[in-house]
N, C-alpha and C. Protein backbone atom coordinates (compact mmCIF):
# COMPACT_ATOMS: atom_id res chain seq x y z
N UNK A 1 76.48 166.16 146.32
CA UNK A 1 76.56 166.41 145.26
C UNK A 1 75.13 165.80 144.46
N UNK A 2 74.78 166.21 143.52
CA UNK A 2 73.11 166.11 142.99
C UNK A 2 73.34 164.37 142.16
N UNK A 3 72.22 163.92 142.12
CA UNK A 3 72.12 162.81 141.52
C UNK A 3 72.16 163.31 139.78
N UNK A 4 72.44 162.65 139.01
CA UNK A 4 72.49 162.85 137.39
C UNK A 4 71.17 162.57 136.86
N UNK A 5 70.29 163.48 136.13
CA UNK A 5 69.28 163.46 135.79
C UNK A 5 69.19 161.76 134.60
N UNK A 6 67.70 161.15 134.97
CA UNK A 6 67.76 159.99 133.82
C UNK A 6 66.87 160.59 133.00
N UNK A 7 67.23 160.36 131.57
CA UNK A 7 66.31 160.93 130.47
C UNK A 7 66.02 160.03 130.33
N UNK A 8 64.89 159.93 128.81
CA UNK A 8 64.49 158.84 128.13
C UNK A 8 65.15 158.04 127.13
N UNK A 9 66.25 158.53 127.01
CA UNK A 9 67.55 158.07 126.21
C UNK A 9 68.22 157.32 127.02
N UNK A 10 68.45 157.27 128.34
CA UNK A 10 69.11 156.64 129.22
C UNK A 10 67.98 155.55 129.70
N UNK A 11 66.90 155.50 129.65
CA UNK A 11 66.03 154.46 129.80
C UNK A 11 65.70 153.23 128.82
N UNK A 12 65.84 153.79 127.18
CA UNK A 12 66.05 153.09 126.12
C UNK A 12 67.36 152.45 126.03
N UNK A 13 68.45 152.96 126.63
CA UNK A 13 69.69 152.30 126.38
C UNK A 13 69.70 151.23 127.65
N UNK A 14 69.59 151.50 128.60
CA UNK A 14 69.08 150.47 130.00
C UNK A 14 68.25 149.34 129.69
N UNK A 15 67.05 149.90 128.74
CA UNK A 15 66.59 148.32 128.12
C UNK A 15 67.58 147.88 126.97
N UNK A 16 68.08 148.05 126.75
CA UNK A 16 68.74 147.03 125.41
C UNK A 16 69.70 146.59 126.41
N UNK A 17 70.45 147.29 127.32
CA UNK A 17 71.24 146.14 128.45
C UNK A 17 70.50 145.27 128.80
N UNK A 18 69.31 145.07 129.44
CA UNK A 18 68.51 144.48 129.98
C UNK A 18 68.55 143.05 129.14
N UNK A 19 68.10 143.35 127.85
CA UNK A 19 67.79 142.28 127.01
C UNK A 19 69.24 141.56 126.19
N UNK A 20 70.63 142.51 126.48
CA UNK A 20 71.65 141.71 126.00
C UNK A 20 71.80 140.55 126.51
N UNK A 21 72.18 139.83 125.48
CA UNK A 21 72.88 138.50 126.03
C UNK A 21 73.96 138.17 126.77
N UNK A 22 74.96 138.89 126.75
CA UNK A 22 76.11 138.76 127.56
C UNK A 22 75.67 139.58 129.06
N UNK A 23 75.15 140.61 128.76
CA UNK A 23 74.63 141.19 130.28
C UNK A 23 73.76 140.15 131.09
N UNK A 24 72.62 140.05 130.51
CA UNK A 24 71.59 138.63 131.06
C UNK A 24 72.34 137.62 131.52
N UNK A 25 73.25 136.97 130.93
CA UNK A 25 73.78 136.01 131.33
C UNK A 25 74.85 136.15 132.69
N UNK A 26 75.75 137.00 132.41
CA UNK A 26 76.35 137.53 133.18
C UNK A 26 75.79 137.89 134.73
N UNK A 27 74.45 138.56 134.56
CA UNK A 27 73.66 138.62 135.92
C UNK A 27 73.17 137.63 136.28
N UNK A 28 72.54 136.34 135.82
CA UNK A 28 72.55 134.84 135.99
C UNK A 28 73.27 134.22 136.59
N UNK A 29 74.63 134.14 136.18
CA UNK A 29 75.37 133.02 136.20
C UNK A 29 76.39 133.54 137.27
N UNK A 30 76.65 134.56 137.46
CA UNK A 30 77.76 135.28 138.02
C UNK A 30 78.97 134.63 138.51
N UNK A 31 79.21 134.20 136.96
CA UNK A 31 80.76 133.33 136.23
C UNK A 31 80.76 133.07 135.21
N UNK A 32 82.03 132.84 134.27
CA UNK A 32 82.17 132.42 133.01
C UNK A 32 82.52 133.51 132.29
N UNK A 33 82.96 133.39 130.79
CA UNK A 33 83.58 134.55 130.00
C UNK A 33 82.50 135.72 130.16
N UNK A 34 81.18 135.47 129.97
CA UNK A 34 80.20 136.73 129.92
C UNK A 34 80.26 137.41 131.28
N UNK A 35 80.41 136.77 132.24
CA UNK A 35 80.32 137.85 133.34
C UNK A 35 81.77 138.45 133.32
N UNK A 36 82.52 137.74 133.10
CA UNK A 36 84.10 138.20 133.13
C UNK A 36 84.10 139.69 131.91
N UNK A 37 83.49 139.55 130.89
CA UNK A 37 83.62 140.29 129.88
C UNK A 37 82.88 141.64 130.14
N UNK A 38 81.66 141.44 130.56
CA UNK A 38 80.61 142.32 131.13
C UNK A 38 81.39 143.25 132.20
N UNK A 39 82.35 142.62 133.19
CA UNK A 39 82.87 143.25 134.49
C UNK A 39 83.75 143.91 133.87
N UNK A 40 84.81 143.79 133.02
CA UNK A 40 85.81 144.60 132.50
C UNK A 40 85.19 145.59 131.59
N UNK A 41 84.47 145.45 130.66
CA UNK A 41 83.98 146.27 129.60
C UNK A 41 82.87 147.24 130.05
N UNK A 42 81.96 147.13 130.74
CA UNK A 42 80.97 147.79 130.96
C UNK A 42 81.07 149.43 131.16
N UNK A 43 81.89 149.88 131.98
CA UNK A 43 82.31 151.09 132.47
C UNK A 43 82.79 152.11 131.66
N UNK A 44 83.46 151.44 130.65
CA UNK A 44 84.67 151.98 129.95
C UNK A 44 84.22 152.12 128.67
N UNK A 45 83.66 151.24 127.83
CA UNK A 45 83.31 151.21 126.33
C UNK A 45 81.62 151.21 126.18
N UNK A 46 81.37 150.35 127.05
CA UNK A 46 79.36 149.95 126.39
C UNK A 46 78.48 151.09 126.77
N UNK A 47 77.88 152.20 126.25
CA UNK A 47 76.56 152.88 126.71
C UNK A 47 75.88 152.50 127.06
N UNK A 48 75.46 151.04 126.60
CA UNK A 48 74.10 150.80 127.35
C UNK A 48 74.23 150.31 128.81
N UNK A 49 75.52 149.81 129.26
CA UNK A 49 75.90 149.42 130.49
C UNK A 49 76.20 150.52 131.50
N UNK A 50 76.43 151.61 130.86
CA UNK A 50 76.53 152.83 131.40
C UNK A 50 74.82 153.35 131.96
N UNK A 51 74.60 153.75 131.23
CA UNK A 51 72.75 153.92 131.09
C UNK A 51 72.15 152.86 131.98
N UNK A 52 72.48 151.48 132.06
CA UNK A 52 71.50 150.80 133.11
C UNK A 52 72.11 150.95 134.27
N UNK A 53 73.61 151.48 134.59
CA UNK A 53 73.91 151.71 135.76
C UNK A 53 73.46 153.07 136.55
N UNK A 54 73.04 154.00 135.74
CA UNK A 54 72.52 155.23 135.81
C UNK A 54 71.14 154.95 136.26
N UNK A 55 70.34 154.38 135.39
CA UNK A 55 69.02 154.18 135.79
C UNK A 55 68.50 153.04 136.94
N UNK A 56 69.07 151.97 136.91
CA UNK A 56 68.94 151.18 137.94
C UNK A 56 69.78 151.18 139.26
N UNK A 57 71.12 152.03 138.95
CA UNK A 57 71.76 152.11 140.60
C UNK A 57 72.69 150.49 140.67
N UNK A 58 73.18 149.95 139.99
CA UNK A 58 73.56 149.11 140.02
C UNK A 58 74.55 148.22 138.79
N UNK A 59 75.80 147.37 139.15
CA UNK A 59 76.69 147.40 138.07
C UNK A 59 75.57 146.12 137.03
N UNK A 60 76.06 146.19 135.74
CA UNK A 60 75.00 145.44 134.86
C UNK A 60 75.38 144.21 135.17
N UNK A 61 76.81 143.86 135.67
CA UNK A 61 76.82 142.07 136.12
C UNK A 61 76.33 141.75 137.55
N UNK A 62 75.86 142.80 138.23
CA UNK A 62 75.05 142.63 139.57
C UNK A 62 73.93 141.84 139.61
N UNK A 63 73.60 140.67 140.12
CA UNK A 63 72.71 140.01 140.19
C UNK A 63 70.97 140.53 140.64
N UNK A 64 70.08 140.36 140.08
CA UNK A 64 68.70 141.32 140.28
C UNK A 64 68.38 141.10 141.92
N UNK A 65 68.09 141.76 142.45
CA UNK A 65 67.07 141.28 143.87
C UNK A 65 66.27 140.03 143.90
N UNK A 66 65.40 139.97 143.00
CA UNK A 66 64.74 138.61 143.14
C UNK A 66 65.48 137.52 143.19
N UNK A 67 66.65 137.43 142.12
CA UNK A 67 67.56 136.35 141.88
C UNK A 67 68.56 136.18 142.95
N UNK A 68 68.97 136.91 143.89
CA UNK A 68 69.40 136.63 145.42
C UNK A 68 68.50 135.89 145.75
N UNK A 69 67.40 136.65 145.95
CA UNK A 69 66.33 136.02 146.72
C UNK A 69 66.37 134.43 146.71
N UNK A 70 66.06 134.22 145.64
CA UNK A 70 66.24 132.34 145.46
C UNK A 70 67.00 132.12 145.72
N UNK A 71 68.21 132.43 145.96
CA UNK A 71 69.42 131.65 146.24
C UNK A 71 69.60 131.26 147.57
C-alpha cells in the first residue's frame, strides 16, 4: 500500500491544527474536556485534525515527542 501524498493544502490545514486551542490543550494535558472532545471528533468531523494526522503521522491528541521526554 502506498503512502498518501501530502499536499500544500494538507500542510496548511495541519498548521491550523497545531495552533488550535482544543488540540494544543489535548496534547499538553492528556486529560479533561478538550482531550475527550478532540479524541472523539478528530477523525470523523475535523478536516484540520485529519490533515494533522496525515502530515505528522500521529493523532492530534497524542503528546508531541518532546513533551514525553520531559515527563
